[in-house]
Amino acid sequence: MVENEKREINQKVNEGLKRLLELAEAKKRRMEQIFELTRKQSEVLSADQVDKLLEYIDDKQEHIDAIKALDEKFSGIFEGIKDEVNRADFERYNPEGYDLYIKLRASVSQIKDMVEAIYNLEVQNQNRVQEVIQDVKARITSISKGKKGYSAYKQSVPQAGGVFIDQRK
């Protein structure tokens, strides 16, 4: 009976770990897509293509929302098996599960590395956006000054000659 319970627990843990690996791989694919979109954002920032930039931002948001859903599923499954996985004798008690757990940790580590790469690229993009904003502000200021000068130059001059009004009746 006890051996049967152990087998059932191990099977439940192993199924959970397999599902967690699937979710981690799905998240990794989403993160790769976000990285690619972030890289494309860098390109369009250099080319001043605002419409494409906004499109990439919308696409990234879709991936972020999908990742949030994956993370919620991941957390729910992990909560159900974490006590077993965190046992001191997990490796000896469930060798197959331990191998799955090692693969899961490697996958999570790759995801963390990807998050860091995306973050670094985002920082560069934000700096580029600030440069673009400063450039636009400078252009607007220049245009405003030019308009003031132009309007002063093009002012209609009041009639220079005198006007004679005959007040006799």
C-alpha atoms as a PDB file:
ATOM      1  CA  MET A   1       0.000   0.000   0.000  1.00  0.00           C
ATOM      2  CA  VAL A   2       2.743   2.463   0.931  1.00  0.00           C
ATOM      3  CA  GLU A   3       4.684   1.589  -2.226  1.00  0.00           C
ATOM      4  CA  ASN A   4       1.543   2.193  -4.276  1.00  0.00           C
ATOM      5  CA  GLU A   5       1.071   5.652  -2.702  1.00  0.00           C
ATOM      6  CA  LYS A   6       4.676   6.579  -3.451  1.00  0.00           C
ATOM      7  CA  ARG A   7       4.214   5.531  -7.069  1.00  0.00           C
ATOM      8  CA  GLU A   8       1.036   7.619  -7.379  1.00  0.00           C
ATOM      9  CA  ILE A   9       2.690  10.639  -5.778  1.00  0.00           C
ATOM     10  CA  ASN A  10       5.718  10.275  -8.057  1.00  0.00           C
ATOM     11  CA  GLN A  11       3.456   9.958 -11.077  1.00  0.00           C
ATOM     12  CA  LYS A  12       1.529  13.088 -10.073  1.00  0.00           C
ATOM     13  CA  VAL A  13       4.775  15.003  -9.501  1.00  0.00           C
ATOM     14  CA  ASN A  14       6.260  13.810 -12.783  1.00  0.00           C
ATOM     15  CA  GLU A  15       3.140  14.772 -14.732  1.00  0.00           C
ATOM     16  CA  GLY A  16       3.210  18.165 -13.057  1.00  0.00           C
ATOM     17  CA  LEU A  17       6.882  18.631 -13.908  1.00  0.00           C
ATOM     18  CA  LYS A  18       6.249  17.639 -17.528  1.00  0.00           C
ATOM     19  CA  ARG A  19       3.442  20.185 -17.728  1.00  0.00           C
ATOM     20  CA  LEU A  20       5.692  22.815 -16.128  1.00  0.00           C
ATOM     21  CA  LEU A  21       8.365  22.067 -18.738  1.00  0.00           C
ATOM     22  CA  GLU A  22       5.779  22.550 -21.504  1.00  0.00           C
ATOM     23  CA  LEU A  23       4.703  25.861 -19.989  1.00  0.00           C
ATOM     24  CA  ALA A  24       8.312  26.987 -19.581  1.00  0.00           C
ATOM     25  CA  GLU A  25       9.049  26.143 -23.220  1.00  0.00           C
ATOM     26  CA  ALA A  26       5.943  28.053 -24.330  1.00  0.00           C
ATOM     27  CA  LYS A  27       7.081  31.012 -22.241  1.00  0.00           C
ATOM     28  CA  LYS A  28      10.568  30.789 -23.727  1.00  0.00           C
ATOM     29  CA  ARG A  29       9.093  30.943 -27.250  1.00  0.00           C
ATOM     30  CA  ARG A  30       7.035  33.990 -26.272  1.00  0.00           C
ATOM     31  CA  MET A  31      10.111  35.628 -24.758  1.00  0.00           C
ATOM     32  CA  GLU A  32      12.043  35.001 -27.984  1.00  0.00           C
ATOM     33  CA  GLN A  33       9.268  36.718 -29.907  1.00  0.00           C
ATOM     34  CA  ILE A  34       9.332  39.653 -27.499  1.00  0.00           C
ATOM     35  CA  PHE A  35      13.104  39.898 -27.912  1.00  0.00           C
ATOM     36  CA  GLU A  36      12.707  39.930 -31.700  1.00  0.00           C
ATOM     37  CA  LEU A  37      10.015  42.636 -31.499  1.00  0.00           C
ATOM     38  CA  THR A  38      12.205  44.682 -29.168  1.00  0.00           C
ATOM     39  CA  ARG A  39      15.073  44.374 -31.650  1.00  0.00           C
ATOM     40  CA  LYS A  40      12.751  45.513 -34.446  1.00  0.00           C
ATOM     41  CA  GLN A  41      11.729  48.469 -32.294  1.00  0.00           C
ATOM     42  CA  SER A  42      15.385  49.493 -32.169  1.00  0.00           C
ATOM     43  CA  GLU A  43      15.509  49.456 -35.957  1.00  0.00           C
ATOM     44  CA  VAL A  44      12.378  51.562 -36.441  1.00  0.00           C
ATOM     45  CA  LEU A  45      13.499  54.035 -33.787  1.00  0.00           C
ATOM     46  CA  SER A  46      16.578  54.674 -35.880  1.00  0.00           C
ATOM     47  CA  ALA A  47      14.436  55.144 -38.981  1.00  0.00           C
ATOM     48  CA  ASP A  48      11.787  57.291 -37.228  1.00  0.00           C
ATOM     49  CA  GLN A  49       8.917  54.974 -38.204  1.00  0.00           C
ATOM     50  CA  VAL A  50       6.438  55.698 -35.426  1.00  0.00           C
ATOM     51  CA  ASP A  51       3.591  53.650 -36.932  1.00  0.00           C
ATOM     52  CA  LYS A  52       5.708  50.485 -36.965  1.00  0.00           C
ATOM     53  CA  LEU A  53       6.905  51.220 -33.445  1.00  0.00           C
ATOM     54  CA  LEU A  54       3.328  51.374 -32.172  1.00  0.00           C
ATOM     55  CA  GLU A  55       2.482  48.157 -34.018  1.00  0.00           C
ATOM     56  CA  TYR A  56       5.417  46.369 -32.354  1.00  0.00           C
ATOM     57  CA  ILE A  57       4.353  47.668 -28.953  1.00  0.00           C
ATOM     58  CA  ASP A  58       0.859  46.237 -29.478  1.00  0.00           C
ATOM     59  CA  ASP A  59       2.320  42.899 -30.585  1.00  0.00           C
ATOM     60  CA  LYS A  60       4.564  42.783 -27.527  1.00  0.00           C
ATOM     61  CA  GLN A  61       1.599  43.448 -25.255  1.00  0.00           C
ATOM     62  CA  GLU A  62      -0.190  40.412 -26.686  1.00  0.00           C
ATOM     63  CA  HIS A  63       2.831  38.243 -25.866  1.00  0.00           C
ATOM     64  CA  ILE A  64       3.095  39.750 -22.397  1.00  0.00           C
ATOM     65  CA  ASP A  65      -0.557  38.949 -21.720  1.00  0.00           C
ATOM     66  CA  ALA A  66      -0.015  35.368 -22.922  1.00  0.00           C
ATOM     67  CA  ILE A  67       3.041  35.036 -20.673  1.00  0.00           C
ATOM     68  CA  LYS A  68       1.013  36.246 -17.713  1.00  0.00           C
ATOM     69  CA  ALA A  69      -1.521  33.470 -18.340  1.00  0.00           C
ATOM     70  CA  LEU A  70       1.304  30.908 -18.640  1.00  0.00           C
ATOM     71  CA  ASP A  71       2.814  32.135 -15.376  1.00  0.00           C
ATOM     72  CA  GLU A  72      -0.522  31.760 -13.586  1.00  0.00           C
ATOM     73  CA  LYS A  73      -0.869  28.162 -14.811  1.00  0.00           C
ATOM     74  CA  PHE A  74       2.759  27.492 -13.891  1.00  0.00           C
ATOM     75  CA  SER A  75       2.282  28.809 -10.360  1.00  0.00           C
ATOM     76  CA  GLY A  76      -0.860  26.755  -9.835  1.00  0.00           C
ATOM     77  CA  ILE A  77       0.817  23.528 -10.901  1.00  0.00           C
ATOM     78  CA  PHE A  78       4.018  24.232  -8.989  1.00  0.00           C
ATOM     79  CA  GLU A  79       2.088  24.946  -5.792  1.00  0.00           C
ATOM     80  CA  GLY A  80       0.629  21.435  -6.023  1.00  0.00           C
ATOM     81  CA  ILE A  81       3.987  19.682  -6.265  1.00  0.00           C
ATOM     82  CA  LYS A  82       6.494  21.978  -4.566  1.00  0.00           C
ATOM     83  CA  ASP A  83       6.474  20.096  -1.245  1.00  0.00           C
ATOM     84  CA  GLU A  84       7.518  16.901  -3.006  1.00  0.00           C
ATOM     85  CA  VAL A  85      10.107  18.621  -5.193  1.00  0.00           C
ATOM     86  CA  ASN A  86      11.647  20.429  -2.217  1.00  0.00           C
ATOM     87  CA  ARG A  87      12.089  17.237  -0.183  1.00  0.00           C
ATOM     88  CA  ALA A  88      15.678  16.583   0.810  1.00  0.00           C
ATOM     89  CA  ASP A  89      15.543  13.061  -0.611  1.00  0.00           C
ATOM     90  CA  PHE A  90      13.674  13.956  -3.818  1.00  0.00           C
ATOM     91  CA  GLU A  91      16.568  12.812  -6.038  1.00  0.00           C
ATOM     92  CA  ARG A  92      16.677   9.373  -4.419  1.00  0.00           C
ATOM     93  CA  TYR A  93      12.923   9.110  -3.923  1.00  0.00           C
ATOM     94  CA  ASN A  94      11.983  10.050  -7.526  1.00  0.00           C
ATOM     95  CA  PRO A  95      14.974   9.931  -9.943  1.00  0.00           C
ATOM     96  CA  GLU A  96      12.828  10.485 -13.046  1.00  0.00           C
ATOM     97  CA  GLY A  97      11.151  13.498 -11.431  1.00  0.00           C
ATOM     98  CA  TYR A  98      14.515  14.849 -10.358  1.00  0.00           C
ATOM     99  CA  ASP A  99      15.762  14.733 -13.962  1.00  0.00           C
ATOM    100  CA  LEU A 100      12.634  16.589 -15.071  1.00  0.00           C
ATOM    101  CA  TYR A 101      13.184  19.130 -12.304  1.00  0.00           C
ATOM    102  CA  ILE A 102      16.789  19.720 -13.453  1.00  0.00           C
ATOM    103  CA  LYS A 103      15.524  20.316 -17.020  1.00  0.00           C
ATOM    104  CA  LEU A 104      12.891  22.697 -15.682  1.00  0.00           C
ATOM    105  CA  ARG A 105      15.468  24.679 -13.731  1.00  0.00           C
ATOM    106  CA  ALA A 106      17.661  24.932 -16.846  1.00  0.00           C
ATOM    107  CA  SER A 107      14.695  26.179 -18.868  1.00  0.00           C
ATOM    108  CA  VAL A 108      13.802  28.750 -16.210  1.00  0.00           C
ATOM    109  CA  SER A 109      17.431  29.896 -16.162  1.00  0.00           C
ATOM    110  CA  GLN A 110      17.335  30.414 -19.949  1.00  0.00           C
ATOM    111  CA  ILE A 111      14.145  32.428 -19.559  1.00  0.00           C
ATOM    112  CA  LYS A 112      15.828  34.620 -16.931  1.00  0.00           C
ATOM    113  CA  ASP A 113      18.760  35.231 -19.286  1.00  0.00           C
ATOM    114  CA  MET A 114      16.317  36.181 -22.029  1.00  0.00           C
ATOM    115  CA  VAL A 115      14.486  38.578 -19.705  1.00  0.00           C
ATOM    116  CA  GLU A 116      17.793  40.265 -18.914  1.00  0.00           C
ATOM    117  CA  ALA A 117      18.662  40.603 -22.618  1.00  0.00           C
ATOM    118  CA  ILE A 118      15.227  42.073 -23.352  1.00  0.00           C
ATOM    119  CA  TYR A 119      15.585  44.489 -20.446  1.00  0.00           C
ATOM    120  CA  ASN A 120      18.977  45.706 -21.681  1.00  0.00           C
ATOM    121  CA  LEU A 121      17.598  46.246 -25.169  1.00  0.00           C
ATOM    122  CA  GLU A 122      14.573  48.068 -23.735  1.00  0.00           C
ATOM    123  CA  VAL A 123      16.873  50.426 -21.825  1.00  0.00           C
ATOM    124  CA  GLN A 124      18.699  51.223 -25.059  1.00  0.00           C
ATOM    125  CA  ASN A 125      15.376  51.798 -26.810  1.00  0.00           C
ATOM    126  CA  GLN A 126      14.164  54.097 -24.037  1.00  0.00           C
ATOM    127  CA  ASN A 127      17.349  56.139 -24.319  1.00  0.00           C
ATOM    128  CA  ARG A 128      16.831  56.381 -28.077  1.00  0.00           C
ATOM    129  CA  VAL A 129      13.203  57.475 -27.533  1.00  0.00           C
ATOM    130  CA  GLN A 130      14.416  60.221 -25.190  1.00  0.00           C
ATOM    131  CA  GLU A 131      16.872  61.390 -27.861  1.00  0.00           C
ATOM    132  CA  VAL A 132      14.075  61.455 -30.442  1.00  0.00           C
ATOM    133  CA  ILE A 133      11.824  63.410 -28.065  1.00  0.00           C
ATOM    134  CA  GLN A 134      14.575  65.957 -27.402  1.00  0.00           C
ATOM    135  CA  ASP A 135      15.161  66.307 -31.153  1.00  0.00           C
ATOM    136  CA  VAL A 136      11.438  66.865 -31.773  1.00  0.00           C
ATOM    137  CA  LYS A 137      11.314  69.467 -28.977  1.00  0.00           C
ATOM    138  CA  ALA A 138      14.260  71.289 -30.526  1.00  0.00           C
ATOM    139  CA  ARG A 139      12.566  71.270 -33.927  1.00  0.00           C
ATOM    140  CA  ILE A 140       9.299  72.573 -32.471  1.00  0.00           C
ATOM    141  CA  THR A 141      11.140  75.369 -30.691  1.00  0.00           C
ATOM    142  CA  SER A 142      12.932  76.260 -33.918  1.00  0.00           C
ATOM    143  CA  ILE A 143       9.652  76.261 -35.843  1.00  0.00           C
ATOM    144  CA  SER A 144       7.995  78.470 -33.213  1.00  0.00           C
ATOM    145  CA  LYS A 145      10.833  80.977 -33.392  1.00  0.00           C
ATOM    146  CA  GLY A 146      10.664  80.915 -37.173  1.00  0.00           C
ATOM    147  CA  LYS A 147       6.921  81.569 -37.116  1.00  0.00           C
ATOM    148  CA  LYS A 148       7.380  84.539 -34.789  1.00  0.00           C
ATOM    149  CA  GLY A 149      10.026  86.011 -37.044  1.00  0.00           C
ATOM    150  CA  TYR A 150       7.968  85.396 -40.154  1.00  0.00           C
ATOM    151  CA  SER A 151       4.836  86.915 -38.642  1.00  0.00           C
ATOM    152  CA  ALA A 152       6.794  89.996 -37.519  1.00  0.00           C
ATOM    153  CA  TYR A 153       8.214  90.361 -41.028  1.00  0.00           C
ATOM    154  CA  LYS A 154       4.879  89.872 -42.771  1.00  0.00           C
ATOM    155  CA  GLN A 155       2.865  92.171 -40.522  1.00  0.00           C
ATOM    156  CA  SER A 156       0.577  94.408 -42.449  1.00  0.00           C
ATOM    157  CA  VAL A 157       1.877  97.940 -42.246  1.00  0.00           C
ATOM    158  CA  PRO A 158      -0.672 100.569 -41.305  1.00  0.00           C
ATOM    159  CA  GLN A 159      -1.268 103.144 -43.989  1.00  0.00           C
ATOM    160  CA  ALA A 160       1.694 105.479 -43.953  1.00  0.00           C
ATOM    161  CA  GLY A 161       0.093 108.522 -45.545  1.00  0.00           C
ATOM    162  CA  GLY A 162      -2.279 110.859 -43.811  1.00  0.00           C
ATOM    163  CA  VAL A 163      -5.942 110.792 -44.299  1.00  0.00           C
ATOM    164  CA  PHE A 164      -7.791 113.963 -44.904  1.00  0.00           C
ATOM    165  CA  ILE A 165     -11.253 114.179 -43.579  1.00  0.00           C
ATOM    166  CA  ASP A 166     -13.292 117.112 -44.713  1.00  0.00           C
ATOM    167  CA  GLN A 167     -15.310 118.326 -41.829  1.00  0.00           C
ATOM    168  CA  ARG A 168     -17.036 121.181 -43.589  1.00  0.00           C
ATOM    169  CA  LYS A 169     -20.626 120.899 -44.431  1.00  0.00           C
END
